[in-house]
Amino acid sequence: MSNENLQKANRRKFLLLLVLMCSPVVVSYLLYFSDYRPNSKNYGDLIKPIVKLQGKGTNLADNTILRMKDLHGKWILVTIDSADCSEACKDKLYYMRQARMVQGKERHRIERLWLVNDEGTPNEDLIKEYEGTYILKDRDGDIINAIETRDTQMKHIYLIDPIGNLMLKFPENVDGTKMGQDLKRLLHVSQIEH
């Protein structure tokens, strides 16, 4: 092989390597500036802007004061309903319990919270049926007032992350299986110590 042919071959190899090394950067810039967003895998909707929840309420299970900071370090499923708890309310409580149970050995990382938005007290049978759920009276408290509008907050189940941010809202008439899969994925990728 002549010296000239060797130089051409080396130049081609160099240019090929240069194209291979620069292509990921070029593609990433093209995707970024074209506003490409891949389809999301999550079932729940991210809440923007993320809201830091603070406040306290009276825990009806043992008549103590429960502060949101007492639950830090746990993922919290939240529902807001009146004390008389309609069928839709009972469905949400059921799905929250089941979504926690299907997490197996990771279920200790999830808590359930029912914010009662009126002056009533839930039925004792209902409290026993969903034992382990924190039931807080918080009619006009800081927690309820930070969660959307009164019109929509009773339609959804919400998720609070381990540092106290309200971050996810599940659709009305929630699919418990899909909600459980979202939780499983979040628990798997969460870097927060548990």
C-alpha atoms as a PDB file:
ATOM      1  CA  MET A   1       0.000   0.000   0.000  1.00  0.00           C
ATOM      2  CA  SER A   2       1.378   3.355  -0.948  1.00  0.00           C
ATOM      3  CA  ASN A   3       1.857   6.171   1.495  1.00  0.00           C
ATOM      4  CA  GLU A   4      -0.896   8.213  -0.194  1.00  0.00           C
ATOM      5  CA  ASN A   5      -3.445   5.359   0.088  1.00  0.00           C
ATOM      6  CA  LEU A   6      -2.519   4.857   3.743  1.00  0.00           C
ATOM      7  CA  GLN A   7      -3.157   8.539   4.495  1.00  0.00           C
ATOM      8  CA  LYS A   8      -6.572   8.401   2.790  1.00  0.00           C
ATOM      9  CA  ALA A   9      -7.536   5.293   4.783  1.00  0.00           C
ATOM     10  CA  ASN A  10      -6.435   6.936   8.049  1.00  0.00           C
ATOM     11  CA  ARG A  11      -8.347  10.115   7.166  1.00  0.00           C
ATOM     12  CA  ARG A  12     -11.530   8.090   6.519  1.00  0.00           C
ATOM     13  CA  LYS A  13     -11.161   6.275   9.841  1.00  0.00           C
ATOM     14  CA  PHE A  14     -10.638   9.570  11.649  1.00  0.00           C
ATOM     15  CA  LEU A  15     -13.705  11.160  10.029  1.00  0.00           C
ATOM     16  CA  LEU A  16     -15.826   8.090  10.799  1.00  0.00           C
ATOM     17  CA  LEU A  17     -14.751   8.161  14.468  1.00  0.00           C
ATOM     18  CA  LEU A  18     -15.437  11.908  14.635  1.00  0.00           C
ATOM     19  CA  VAL A  19     -18.966  11.438  13.234  1.00  0.00           C
ATOM     20  CA  LEU A  20     -19.664   8.555  15.638  1.00  0.00           C
ATOM     21  CA  MET A  21     -18.493  10.513  18.664  1.00  0.00           C
ATOM     22  CA  CYS A  22     -20.325  13.758  17.771  1.00  0.00           C
ATOM     23  CA  SER A  23     -23.626  12.222  16.663  1.00  0.00           C
ATOM     24  CA  PRO A  24     -25.109  11.709  20.187  1.00  0.00           C
ATOM     25  CA  VAL A  25     -24.454  15.360  21.027  1.00  0.00           C
ATOM     26  CA  VAL A  26     -25.958  16.586  17.754  1.00  0.00           C
ATOM     27  CA  VAL A  27     -29.030  14.341  18.124  1.00  0.00           C
ATOM     28  CA  SER A  28     -29.595  15.451  21.728  1.00  0.00           C
ATOM     29  CA  TYR A  29     -29.488  19.127  20.718  1.00  0.00           C
ATOM     30  CA  LEU A  30     -31.894  18.492  17.848  1.00  0.00           C
ATOM     31  CA  LEU A  31     -34.356  16.716  20.165  1.00  0.00           C
ATOM     32  CA  TYR A  32     -34.067  19.423  22.808  1.00  0.00           C
ATOM     33  CA  PHE A  33     -34.629  22.367  20.460  1.00  0.00           C
ATOM     34  CA  SER A  34     -37.452  20.630  18.586  1.00  0.00           C
ATOM     35  CA  ASP A  35     -39.315  20.224  21.939  1.00  0.00           C
ATOM     36  CA  TYR A  36     -39.497  16.448  21.572  1.00  0.00           C
ATOM     37  CA  ARG A  37     -40.928  14.802  24.677  1.00  0.00           C
ATOM     38  CA  PRO A  38     -41.208  11.021  24.823  1.00  0.00           C
ATOM     39  CA  ASN A  39     -44.497   9.504  25.950  1.00  0.00           C
ATOM     40  CA  SER A  40     -44.762   9.166  29.697  1.00  0.00           C
ATOM     41  CA  LYS A  41     -45.173   5.767  31.336  1.00  0.00           C
ATOM     42  CA  ASN A  42     -46.876   7.107  34.440  1.00  0.00           C
ATOM     43  CA  TYR A  43     -50.609   6.782  34.980  1.00  0.00           C
ATOM     44  CA  GLY A  44     -50.973   9.716  37.351  1.00  0.00           C
ATOM     45  CA  ASP A  45     -50.540  13.337  36.275  1.00  0.00           C
ATOM     46  CA  LEU A  46     -47.614  15.339  37.604  1.00  0.00           C
ATOM     47  CA  ILE A  47     -48.693  18.427  39.498  1.00  0.00           C
ATOM     48  CA  LYS A  48     -46.981  21.598  38.315  1.00  0.00           C
ATOM     49  CA  PRO A  49     -45.750  23.482  40.170  1.00  0.00           C
ATOM     50  CA  ILE A  50     -44.970  20.943  42.863  1.00  0.00           C
ATOM     51  CA  VAL A  51     -46.436  22.118  46.167  1.00  0.00           C
ATOM     52  CA  LYS A  52     -44.705  21.645  49.537  1.00  0.00           C
ATOM     53  CA  LEU A  53     -47.390  20.543  52.014  1.00  0.00           C
ATOM     54  CA  GLN A  54     -47.194  21.769  55.558  1.00  0.00           C
ATOM     55  CA  GLY A  55     -49.691  21.907  58.346  1.00  0.00           C
ATOM     56  CA  LYS A  56     -51.364  19.704  60.903  1.00  0.00           C
ATOM     57  CA  GLY A  57     -54.684  18.155  61.739  1.00  0.00           C
ATOM     58  CA  THR A  58     -56.388  16.107  64.435  1.00  0.00           C
ATOM     59  CA  ASN A  59     -55.889  12.381  63.900  1.00  0.00           C
ATOM     60  CA  LEU A  60     -59.274  10.803  64.616  1.00  0.00           C
ATOM     61  CA  ALA A  61     -57.827   7.341  65.311  1.00  0.00           C
ATOM     62  CA  ASP A  62     -56.174   8.388  68.582  1.00  0.00           C
ATOM     63  CA  ASN A  63     -57.234  12.052  68.908  1.00  0.00           C
ATOM     64  CA  THR A  64     -53.681  13.385  68.582  1.00  0.00           C
ATOM     65  CA  ILE A  65     -52.175  16.146  66.474  1.00  0.00           C
ATOM     66  CA  LEU A  66     -50.492  14.873  63.309  1.00  0.00           C
ATOM     67  CA  ARG A  67     -48.132  17.171  61.442  1.00  0.00           C
ATOM     68  CA  MET A  68     -47.188  16.602  57.820  1.00  0.00           C
ATOM     69  CA  LYS A  69     -43.519  16.630  58.827  1.00  0.00           C
ATOM     70  CA  ASP A  70     -44.239  13.560  61.029  1.00  0.00           C
ATOM     71  CA  LEU A  71     -44.805  11.588  57.814  1.00  0.00           C
ATOM     72  CA  HIS A  72     -41.636  12.703  56.030  1.00  0.00           C
ATOM     73  CA  GLY A  73     -39.657   9.785  54.667  1.00  0.00           C
ATOM     74  CA  LYS A  74     -42.813   8.014  53.452  1.00  0.00           C
ATOM     75  CA  TRP A  75     -44.799   8.149  50.238  1.00  0.00           C
ATOM     76  CA  ILE A  76     -48.334   9.253  51.169  1.00  0.00           C
ATOM     77  CA  LEU A  77     -51.535   8.492  49.276  1.00  0.00           C
ATOM     78  CA  VAL A  78     -54.101  11.196  50.072  1.00  0.00           C
ATOM     79  CA  THR A  79     -57.849  11.413  49.598  1.00  0.00           C
ATOM     80  CA  ILE A  80     -60.120  14.284  50.584  1.00  0.00           C
ATOM     81  CA  ASP A  81     -63.762  13.591  51.413  1.00  0.00           C
ATOM     82  CA  SER A  82     -66.528  14.360  53.846  1.00  0.00           C
ATOM     83  CA  ALA A  83     -67.010  12.251  56.962  1.00  0.00           C
ATOM     84  CA  ASP A  84     -70.155  10.548  55.640  1.00  0.00           C
ATOM     85  CA  CYS A  85     -67.991   8.959  52.877  1.00  0.00           C
ATOM     86  CA  SER A  86     -69.976   8.228  49.725  1.00  0.00           C
ATOM     87  CA  GLU A  87     -69.404   5.165  47.541  1.00  0.00           C
ATOM     88  CA  ALA A  88     -66.761   7.073  45.548  1.00  0.00           C
ATOM     89  CA  CYS A  89     -64.966   7.861  48.826  1.00  0.00           C
ATOM     90  CA  LYS A  90     -65.057   4.197  49.876  1.00  0.00           C
ATOM     91  CA  ASP A  91     -63.694   3.188  46.467  1.00  0.00           C
ATOM     92  CA  LYS A  92     -60.758   5.588  46.856  1.00  0.00           C
ATOM     93  CA  LEU A  93     -59.992   4.282  50.351  1.00  0.00           C
ATOM     94  CA  TYR A  94     -60.134   0.717  49.006  1.00  0.00           C
ATOM     95  CA  TYR A  95     -57.810   1.457  46.071  1.00  0.00           C
ATOM     96  CA  MET A  96     -55.351   3.236  48.349  1.00  0.00           C
ATOM     97  CA  ARG A  97     -55.253   0.208  50.668  1.00  0.00           C
ATOM     98  CA  GLN A  98     -54.860  -2.243  47.784  1.00  0.00           C
ATOM     99  CA  ALA A  99     -52.177  -0.180  46.017  1.00  0.00           C
ATOM    100  CA  ARG A 100     -50.188  -0.229  49.258  1.00  0.00           C
ATOM    101  CA  MET A 101     -50.706  -3.957  49.826  1.00  0.00           C
ATOM    102  CA  VAL A 102     -49.486  -5.015  46.370  1.00  0.00           C
ATOM    103  CA  GLN A 103     -46.091  -3.435  47.084  1.00  0.00           C
ATOM    104  CA  GLY A 104     -45.185  -6.471  49.186  1.00  0.00           C
ATOM    105  CA  LYS A 105     -42.131  -5.918  51.368  1.00  0.00           C
ATOM    106  CA  GLU A 106     -41.958  -2.259  50.269  1.00  0.00           C
ATOM    107  CA  ARG A 107     -45.422  -1.405  51.629  1.00  0.00           C
ATOM    108  CA  HIS A 108     -43.939  -0.001  54.840  1.00  0.00           C
ATOM    109  CA  ARG A 109     -42.695   2.941  52.729  1.00  0.00           C
ATOM    110  CA  ILE A 110     -46.276   4.041  51.949  1.00  0.00           C
ATOM    111  CA  GLU A 111     -48.824   5.693  54.242  1.00  0.00           C
ATOM    112  CA  ARG A 112     -52.485   6.505  53.598  1.00  0.00           C
ATOM    113  CA  LEU A 113     -54.137   9.753  54.612  1.00  0.00           C
ATOM    114  CA  TRP A 114     -57.808  10.700  54.528  1.00  0.00           C
ATOM    115  CA  LEU A 115     -58.433  14.412  55.005  1.00  0.00           C
ATOM    116  CA  VAL A 116     -61.959  14.980  56.315  1.00  0.00           C
ATOM    117  CA  ASN A 117     -63.165  18.288  54.894  1.00  0.00           C
ATOM    118  CA  ASP A 118     -66.203  18.852  57.131  1.00  0.00           C
ATOM    119  CA  GLU A 119     -67.084  18.819  60.836  1.00  0.00           C
ATOM    120  CA  GLY A 120     -68.465  15.259  60.867  1.00  0.00           C
ATOM    121  CA  THR A 121     -66.806  12.109  62.191  1.00  0.00           C
ATOM    122  CA  PRO A 122     -66.521   8.987  60.031  1.00  0.00           C
ATOM    123  CA  ASN A 123     -68.427   5.846  60.971  1.00  0.00           C
ATOM    124  CA  GLU A 124     -66.559   3.576  63.433  1.00  0.00           C
ATOM    125  CA  ASP A 125     -67.018   0.559  61.117  1.00  0.00           C
ATOM    126  CA  LEU A 126     -65.395   2.495  58.283  1.00  0.00           C
ATOM    127  CA  ILE A 127     -62.459   3.499  60.485  1.00  0.00           C
ATOM    128  CA  LYS A 128     -61.943  -0.154  61.488  1.00  0.00           C
ATOM    129  CA  GLU A 129     -62.257  -1.359  57.891  1.00  0.00           C
ATOM    130  CA  TYR A 130     -59.440   0.953  56.778  1.00  0.00           C
ATOM    131  CA  GLU A 131     -57.328   0.630  59.891  1.00  0.00           C
ATOM    132  CA  GLY A 132     -53.867   2.076  59.402  1.00  0.00           C
ATOM    133  CA  THR A 133     -55.179   5.029  57.409  1.00  0.00           C
ATOM    134  CA  TYR A 134     -54.503   8.368  59.071  1.00  0.00           C
ATOM    135  CA  ILE A 135     -57.828  10.214  59.264  1.00  0.00           C
ATOM    136  CA  LEU A 136     -57.340  13.931  59.814  1.00  0.00           C
ATOM    137  CA  LYS A 137     -59.930  16.606  60.423  1.00  0.00           C
ATOM    138  CA  ASP A 138     -58.668  19.498  58.350  1.00  0.00           C
ATOM    139  CA  ARG A 139     -61.723  21.444  57.205  1.00  0.00           C
ATOM    140  CA  ASP A 140     -60.019  24.767  56.498  1.00  0.00           C
ATOM    141  CA  GLY A 141     -56.464  23.837  57.357  1.00  0.00           C
ATOM    142  CA  ASP A 142     -53.204  24.460  55.538  1.00  0.00           C
ATOM    143  CA  ILE A 143     -53.074  20.975  54.027  1.00  0.00           C
ATOM    144  CA  ILE A 144     -56.455  21.060  52.272  1.00  0.00           C
ATOM    145  CA  ASN A 145     -56.036  24.669  51.157  1.00  0.00           C
ATOM    146  CA  ALA A 146     -52.754  23.792  49.405  1.00  0.00           C
ATOM    147  CA  ILE A 147     -54.391  21.058  47.299  1.00  0.00           C
ATOM    148  CA  GLU A 148     -56.100  22.441  44.182  1.00  0.00           C
ATOM    149  CA  THR A 149     -59.618  23.860  44.349  1.00  0.00           C
ATOM    150  CA  ARG A 150     -62.483  22.568  46.450  1.00  0.00           C
ATOM    151  CA  ASP A 151     -64.345  21.526  43.297  1.00  0.00           C
ATOM    152  CA  THR A 152     -61.711  19.059  42.122  1.00  0.00           C
ATOM    153  CA  GLN A 153     -59.935  17.868  45.250  1.00  0.00           C
ATOM    154  CA  MET A 154     -62.627  15.307  46.177  1.00  0.00           C
ATOM    155  CA  LYS A 155     -62.411  13.636  42.753  1.00  0.00           C
ATOM    156  CA  HIS A 156     -58.800  12.432  42.940  1.00  0.00           C
ATOM    157  CA  ILE A 157     -56.254  10.484  44.927  1.00  0.00           C
ATOM    158  CA  TYR A 158     -53.021  12.440  45.405  1.00  0.00           C
ATOM    159  CA  LEU A 159     -49.461  11.341  46.096  1.00  0.00           C
ATOM    160  CA  ILE A 160     -47.005  13.134  48.363  1.00  0.00           C
ATOM    161  CA  ASP A 161     -43.310  12.306  48.041  1.00  0.00           C
ATOM    162  CA  PRO A 162     -41.047  11.490  51.042  1.00  0.00           C
ATOM    163  CA  ILE A 163     -39.906  15.104  51.440  1.00  0.00           C
ATOM    164  CA  GLY A 164     -43.455  16.461  51.640  1.00  0.00           C
ATOM    165  CA  ASN A 165     -44.124  17.616  48.080  1.00  0.00           C
ATOM    166  CA  LEU A 166     -47.557  17.109  46.539  1.00  0.00           C
ATOM    167  CA  MET A 167     -46.434  15.727  43.203  1.00  0.00           C
ATOM    168  CA  LEU A 168     -48.964  13.422  41.547  1.00  0.00           C
ATOM    169  CA  LYS A 169     -52.714  13.320  40.982  1.00  0.00           C
ATOM    170  CA  PHE A 170     -54.427  10.123  39.863  1.00  0.00           C
ATOM    171  CA  PRO A 171     -57.401  10.381  37.483  1.00  0.00           C
ATOM    172  CA  GLU A 172     -61.001  10.436  38.628  1.00  0.00           C
ATOM    173  CA  ASN A 173     -62.450   6.879  38.746  1.00  0.00           C
ATOM    174  CA  VAL A 174     -58.943   5.584  39.329  1.00  0.00           C
ATOM    175  CA  ASP A 175     -57.696   2.229  38.051  1.00  0.00           C
ATOM    176  CA  GLY A 176     -56.175   0.608  41.146  1.00  0.00           C
ATOM    177  CA  THR A 177     -53.884  -1.682  39.134  1.00  0.00           C
ATOM    178  CA  LYS A 178     -52.307   1.197  37.218  1.00  0.00           C
ATOM    179  CA  MET A 179     -51.976   3.242  40.407  1.00  0.00           C
ATOM    180  CA  GLY A 180     -50.163   0.317  42.048  1.00  0.00           C
ATOM    181  CA  GLN A 181     -47.810   0.043  39.063  1.00  0.00           C
ATOM    182  CA  ASP A 182     -46.987   3.760  39.327  1.00  0.00           C
ATOM    183  CA  LEU A 183     -46.169   3.319  43.006  1.00  0.00           C
ATOM    184  CA  LYS A 184     -44.038   0.258  42.307  1.00  0.00           C
ATOM    185  CA  ARG A 185     -42.041   2.196  39.719  1.00  0.00           C
ATOM    186  CA  LEU A 186     -41.594   5.171  42.070  1.00  0.00           C
ATOM    187  CA  LEU A 187     -40.477   2.985  44.965  1.00  0.00           C
ATOM    188  CA  HIS A 188     -37.999   1.221  42.692  1.00  0.00           C
ATOM    189  CA  VAL A 189     -36.321   4.388  41.396  1.00  0.00           C
ATOM    190  CA  SER A 190     -36.556   6.448  44.589  1.00  0.00           C
ATOM    191  CA  GLN A 191     -33.135   7.419  45.927  1.00  0.00           C
ATOM    192  CA  ILE A 192     -34.502   8.615  49.257  1.00  0.00           C
ATOM    193  CA  GLU A 193     -33.470   6.383  52.149  1.00  0.00           C
ATOM    194  CA  HIS A 194     -36.195   4.264  53.661  1.00  0.00           C
END
